[in-house]
């Protein structure tokens, strides 16, 4: 899982960069995009402290992130709401496999998330 862990953290850093200017448009979806960036930054910070030998902690952190995205989806509208809901569902599915030590699905989700949420937040 070690290699996957590194890729996951790098993906989270990339996501934070992609979402960097997403709050420029204003409105409640812009606030949700800004808060999404913060949620991913906190996730990356949290998982950096978790050992690759502790997949249960990775699962818990990933499930918490999914819950936060669901909450943020409820505060947004349109394509941002849809993107956040979809990413929350994808993270939940990935959390199950990362909990068993398989980070492949989580890596895929994290690597695709910048484009998915970034496009919605434009």
Protein backbone atom coordinates (compact mmCIF):
# COMPACT_ATOMS: atom_id res chain seq x y z
CA UNK A 1 0.00 0.00 0.00
CA UNK A 2 2.97 2.35 0.49
CA UNK A 3 3.22 3.34 -3.20
CA UNK A 4 -0.50 3.95 -3.36
CA UNK A 5 -0.33 6.10 -0.28
CA UNK A 6 2.23 8.40 -1.87
CA UNK A 7 0.16 8.73 -5.04
CA UNK A 8 -2.98 9.45 -3.02
CA UNK A 9 -1.33 12.24 -1.06
CA UNK A 10 0.16 13.71 -4.23
CA UNK A 11 -3.29 13.62 -5.83
CA UNK A 12 -4.73 15.51 -2.91
CA UNK A 13 -2.09 18.20 -3.28
CA UNK A 14 -2.90 18.43 -6.98
CA UNK A 15 -6.59 18.75 -6.17
CA UNK A 16 -5.94 21.63 -3.81
CA UNK A 17 -4.08 23.43 -6.60
CA UNK A 18 -6.83 22.83 -9.17
CA UNK A 19 -9.48 24.17 -6.83
CA UNK A 20 -7.37 27.17 -5.93
CA UNK A 21 -9.38 29.74 -7.86
CA UNK A 22 -12.76 28.09 -7.73
CA UNK A 23 -14.36 30.57 -5.36
CA UNK A 24 -13.93 33.48 -7.74
CA UNK A 25 -17.48 33.34 -9.11
CA UNK A 26 -19.34 34.02 -5.89
CA UNK A 27 -22.55 32.44 -4.62
CA UNK A 28 -23.22 29.39 -2.54
CA UNK A 29 -21.60 26.97 -5.01
CA UNK A 30 -18.43 29.06 -4.97
CA UNK A 31 -18.37 28.80 -1.18
CA UNK A 32 -18.85 25.02 -1.45
CA UNK A 33 -15.93 24.83 -3.90
CA UNK A 34 -13.71 26.79 -1.54
CA UNK A 35 -14.75 24.59 1.36
CA UNK A 36 -14.08 21.49 -0.78
CA UNK A 37 -10.52 22.67 -1.29
CA UNK A 38 -10.15 23.02 2.48
CA UNK A 39 -11.67 19.57 3.05
CA UNK A 40 -9.14 17.96 0.72
CA UNK A 41 -6.26 19.88 2.27
CA UNK A 42 -7.33 18.62 5.69
CA UNK A 43 -7.68 15.08 4.34
CA UNK A 44 -4.16 15.18 2.90
CA UNK A 45 -2.81 16.51 6.18
CA UNK A 46 -4.63 13.78 8.08
CA UNK A 47 -3.55 10.86 5.89
CA UNK A 48 0.06 12.00 5.87
CA UNK A 49 0.12 11.11 9.55
CA UNK A 50 -1.37 7.64 9.02
CA UNK A 51 0.92 4.66 8.50
CA UNK A 52 0.40 2.59 5.38
CA UNK A 53 0.18 -0.34 7.77
CA UNK A 54 -3.06 1.11 9.23
CA UNK A 55 -5.60 0.71 6.42
CA UNK A 56 -8.51 1.09 8.85
CA UNK A 57 -7.42 4.65 9.58
CA UNK A 58 -7.22 5.37 5.84
CA UNK A 59 -10.74 4.04 5.47
CA UNK A 60 -12.03 6.20 8.30
CA UNK A 61 -10.40 9.36 6.93
CA UNK A 62 -11.72 8.66 3.44
CA UNK A 63 -15.25 8.04 4.72
CA UNK A 64 -15.09 11.29 6.68
CA UNK A 65 -14.06 13.15 3.53
CA UNK A 66 -16.98 11.59 1.65
CA UNK A 67 -19.32 12.78 4.40
CA UNK A 68 -17.94 16.29 4.17
CA UNK A 69 -18.46 16.35 0.40
CA UNK A 70 -22.05 15.21 0.88
CA UNK A 71 -22.57 18.04 3.34
CA UNK A 72 -21.04 20.56 0.95
CA UNK A 73 -23.22 19.25 -1.87
CA UNK A 74 -26.22 20.20 0.24
CA UNK A 75 -25.01 23.79 0.38
CA UNK A 76 -24.45 24.12 -3.37
CA UNK A 77 -26.50 23.82 -6.51
CA UNK A 78 -26.40 22.63 -10.09
CA UNK A 79 -23.29 20.99 -11.46
CA UNK A 80 -21.31 21.61 -8.27
CA UNK A 81 -23.88 19.72 -6.20
CA UNK A 82 -23.87 16.86 -8.69
CA UNK A 83 -20.05 16.67 -8.83
CA UNK A 84 -19.71 16.70 -5.04
CA UNK A 85 -22.35 13.98 -4.61
CA UNK A 86 -20.67 11.80 -7.25
CA UNK A 87 -17.23 12.24 -5.66
CA UNK A 88 -18.64 11.41 -2.23
CA UNK A 89 -20.07 8.17 -3.64
CA UNK A 90 -16.78 7.33 -5.35
CA UNK A 91 -14.83 8.02 -2.15
CA UNK A 92 -17.13 5.75 -0.13
CA UNK A 93 -16.59 2.94 -2.59
CA UNK A 94 -12.83 3.50 -2.47
CA UNK A 95 -12.86 3.60 1.34
CA UNK A 96 -14.01 -0.01 1.47
CA UNK A 97 -11.06 -1.26 -0.55
CA UNK A 98 -8.49 0.99 1.10
CA UNK A 99 -9.70 -0.40 4.42
CA UNK A 100 -8.39 -3.80 3.31
CA UNK A 101 -5.04 -2.37 2.23
CA UNK A 102 -5.83 -1.91 -1.47
CA UNK A 103 -5.25 1.73 -2.42
CA UNK A 104 -5.75 1.31 -6.18
CA UNK A 105 -9.36 2.50 -6.25
CA UNK A 106 -8.60 5.41 -3.93
CA UNK A 107 -5.70 6.44 -6.16
CA UNK A 108 -8.01 6.44 -9.17
CA UNK A 109 -10.65 8.51 -7.41
CA UNK A 110 -8.16 11.04 -6.05
CA UNK A 111 -6.38 11.38 -9.39
CA UNK A 112 -9.66 12.01 -11.26
CA UNK A 113 -11.24 14.29 -8.67
CA UNK A 114 -9.37 17.49 -9.64
CA UNK A 115 -10.83 17.42 -13.13
CA UNK A 116 -14.31 16.42 -12.00
CA UNK A 117 -14.73 18.97 -9.24
CA UNK A 118 -12.51 21.57 -10.87
CA UNK A 119 -14.66 21.58 -14.01
CA UNK A 120 -17.84 21.91 -11.95
CA UNK A 121 -16.39 24.78 -9.93
CA UNK A 122 -15.34 26.88 -12.93
